Amino acid sequence: MQLFGFVLFYSFAIIYKKDSFKHMRFMVGTALIMIGPGLSRTLNEYGGAGITAYTATIALSLKTVLAAALLGKDLLSKKSWIP
């Protein structure tokens, strides 16, 4: 599913390369997708035995919080939240 999302966001970023506002939003989307696997592996390696069962949940929660924070920032600054 993440591969599909990455390909979708990256394709839209290439399609909208002339429109920097939309291009930037779609590239941020690809970056948010890429945070999960690296964060999960880092938590597995350095988090200890107690955290390994929750690494996927922690990574998903962090990605959701980051996306919500960026959406909130756009809404508060009255920018278009639709890419």
C-alpha atoms as a PDB file:
ATOM      1  CA  MET A   1       0.000   0.000   0.000  1.00  0.00           C
ATOM      2  CA  GLN A   2       2.846   2.391   0.787  1.00  0.00           C
ATOM      3  CA  LEU A   3       4.462   1.643  -2.552  1.00  0.00           C
ATOM      4  CA  PHE A   4       1.198   2.551  -4.302  1.00  0.00           C
ATOM      5  CA  GLY A   5       0.981   5.819  -2.330  1.00  0.00           C
ATOM      6  CA  PHE A   6       4.604   6.661  -3.066  1.00  0.00           C
ATOM      7  CA  VAL A   7       4.187   6.053  -6.791  1.00  0.00           C
ATOM      8  CA  LEU A   8       0.957   8.055  -6.826  1.00  0.00           C
ATOM      9  CA  PHE A   9       2.390  11.083  -4.989  1.00  0.00           C
ATOM     10  CA  TYR A  10       5.623  10.993  -6.989  1.00  0.00           C
ATOM     11  CA  SER A  11       3.707  10.783 -10.275  1.00  0.00           C
ATOM     12  CA  PHE A  12       1.576  13.774  -9.313  1.00  0.00           C
ATOM     13  CA  ALA A  13       4.725  15.672  -8.288  1.00  0.00           C
ATOM     14  CA  ILE A  14       6.187  15.078 -11.733  1.00  0.00           C
ATOM     15  CA  ILE A  15       2.923  16.027 -13.456  1.00  0.00           C
ATOM     16  CA  TYR A  16       2.733  19.298 -11.489  1.00  0.00           C
ATOM     17  CA  LYS A  17       6.442  20.185 -11.680  1.00  0.00           C
ATOM     18  CA  LYS A  18       5.612  23.609 -13.170  1.00  0.00           C
ATOM     19  CA  ASP A  19       3.188  24.462 -10.341  1.00  0.00           C
ATOM     20  CA  SER A  20       5.538  24.711  -7.352  1.00  0.00           C
ATOM     21  CA  PHE A  21       2.752  24.806  -4.734  1.00  0.00           C
ATOM     22  CA  LYS A  22       1.270  21.475  -5.836  1.00  0.00           C
ATOM     23  CA  HIS A  23       4.682  19.967  -6.565  1.00  0.00           C
ATOM     24  CA  MET A  24       5.853  20.772  -3.042  1.00  0.00           C
ATOM     25  CA  ARG A  25       2.743  19.227  -1.460  1.00  0.00           C
ATOM     26  CA  PHE A  26       3.138  15.979  -3.367  1.00  0.00           C
ATOM     27  CA  MET A  27       6.853  15.761  -2.562  1.00  0.00           C
ATOM     28  CA  VAL A  28       6.037  16.229   1.124  1.00  0.00           C
ATOM     29  CA  GLY A  29       3.583  13.348   0.705  1.00  0.00           C
ATOM     30  CA  THR A  30       6.354  11.119  -0.650  1.00  0.00           C
ATOM     31  CA  ALA A  31       8.600  12.134   2.248  1.00  0.00           C
ATOM     32  CA  LEU A  32       5.916  11.298   4.811  1.00  0.00           C
ATOM     33  CA  ILE A  33       5.535   7.837   3.310  1.00  0.00           C
ATOM     34  CA  MET A  34       9.291   7.252   3.497  1.00  0.00           C
ATOM     35  CA  ILE A  35       9.517   8.157   7.205  1.00  0.00           C
ATOM     36  CA  GLY A  36       7.738   4.981   8.335  1.00  0.00           C
ATOM     37  CA  PRO A  37      10.149   2.209   7.329  1.00  0.00           C
ATOM     38  CA  GLY A  38      13.257   4.030   8.502  1.00  0.00           C
ATOM     39  CA  LEU A  39      11.709   5.006  11.813  1.00  0.00           C
ATOM     40  CA  SER A  40      10.445   1.470  12.409  1.00  0.00           C
ATOM     41  CA  ARG A  41      13.877  -0.006  11.774  1.00  0.00           C
ATOM     42  CA  THR A  42      15.546   2.577  14.005  1.00  0.00           C
ATOM     43  CA  LEU A  43      13.113   1.889  16.840  1.00  0.00           C
ATOM     44  CA  ASN A  44      13.621  -1.864  16.458  1.00  0.00           C
ATOM     45  CA  GLU A  45      17.382  -1.448  16.616  1.00  0.00           C
ATOM     46  CA  TYR A  46      17.687   1.035  19.463  1.00  0.00           C
ATOM     47  CA  GLY A  47      14.343   0.866  21.239  1.00  0.00           C
ATOM     48  CA  GLY A  48      14.857  -2.285  23.231  1.00  0.00           C
ATOM     49  CA  ALA A  49      12.644  -5.330  23.580  1.00  0.00           C
ATOM     50  CA  GLY A  50       9.686  -3.486  25.087  1.00  0.00           C
ATOM     51  CA  ILE A  51       9.112  -1.196  22.126  1.00  0.00           C
ATOM     52  CA  THR A  52       9.516  -3.617  19.207  1.00  0.00           C
ATOM     53  CA  ALA A  53       5.859  -4.677  19.332  1.00  0.00           C
ATOM     54  CA  TYR A  54       4.734  -1.074  18.875  1.00  0.00           C
ATOM     55  CA  THR A  55       7.140   0.204  16.222  1.00  0.00           C
ATOM     56  CA  ALA A  56       4.611   0.130  13.381  1.00  0.00           C
ATOM     57  CA  THR A  57       2.032   1.927  15.527  1.00  0.00           C
ATOM     58  CA  ILE A  58       4.551   4.562  16.601  1.00  0.00           C
ATOM     59  CA  ALA A  59       5.693   5.188  13.025  1.00  0.00           C
ATOM     60  CA  LEU A  60       2.111   5.455  11.747  1.00  0.00           C
ATOM     61  CA  SER A  61       1.182   7.781  14.613  1.00  0.00           C
ATOM     62  CA  LEU A  62       4.151  10.043  13.921  1.00  0.00           C
ATOM     63  CA  LYS A  63       3.326  10.242  10.211  1.00  0.00           C
ATOM     64  CA  THR A  64      -0.309  11.062  11.034  1.00  0.00           C
ATOM     65  CA  VAL A  65       0.684  13.769  13.526  1.00  0.00           C
ATOM     66  CA  LEU A  66       3.086  15.336  11.016  1.00  0.00           C
ATOM     67  CA  ALA A  67       0.451  15.339   8.268  1.00  0.00           C
ATOM     68  CA  ALA A  68      -2.144  16.812  10.650  1.00  0.00           C
ATOM     69  CA  ALA A  69       0.322  19.499  11.784  1.00  0.00           C
ATOM     70  CA  LEU A  70       1.039  20.503   8.189  1.00  0.00           C
ATOM     71  CA  LEU A  71      -2.687  20.588   7.427  1.00  0.00           C
ATOM     72  CA  GLY A  72      -3.327  22.691  10.538  1.00  0.00           C
ATOM     73  CA  LYS A  73      -0.548  25.079   9.546  1.00  0.00           C
ATOM     74  CA  ASP A  74      -2.123  25.561   6.121  1.00  0.00           C
ATOM     75  CA  LEU A  75      -5.578  26.090   7.580  1.00  0.00           C
ATOM     76  CA  LEU A  76      -4.338  28.621  10.157  1.00  0.00           C
ATOM     77  CA  SER A  77      -2.411  30.589   7.552  1.00  0.00           C
ATOM     78  CA  LYS A  78      -5.481  30.487   5.272  1.00  0.00           C
ATOM     79  CA  LYS A  79      -3.631  28.740   2.448  1.00  0.00           C
ATOM     80  CA  SER A  80      -5.287  26.207   0.207  1.00  0.00           C
ATOM     81  CA  TRP A  81      -5.065  22.817   1.895  1.00  0.00           C
ATOM     82  CA  ILE A  82      -5.853  21.006  -1.347  1.00  0.00           C
ATOM     83  CA  PRO A  83      -2.696  20.350  -3.402  1.00  0.00           C
END
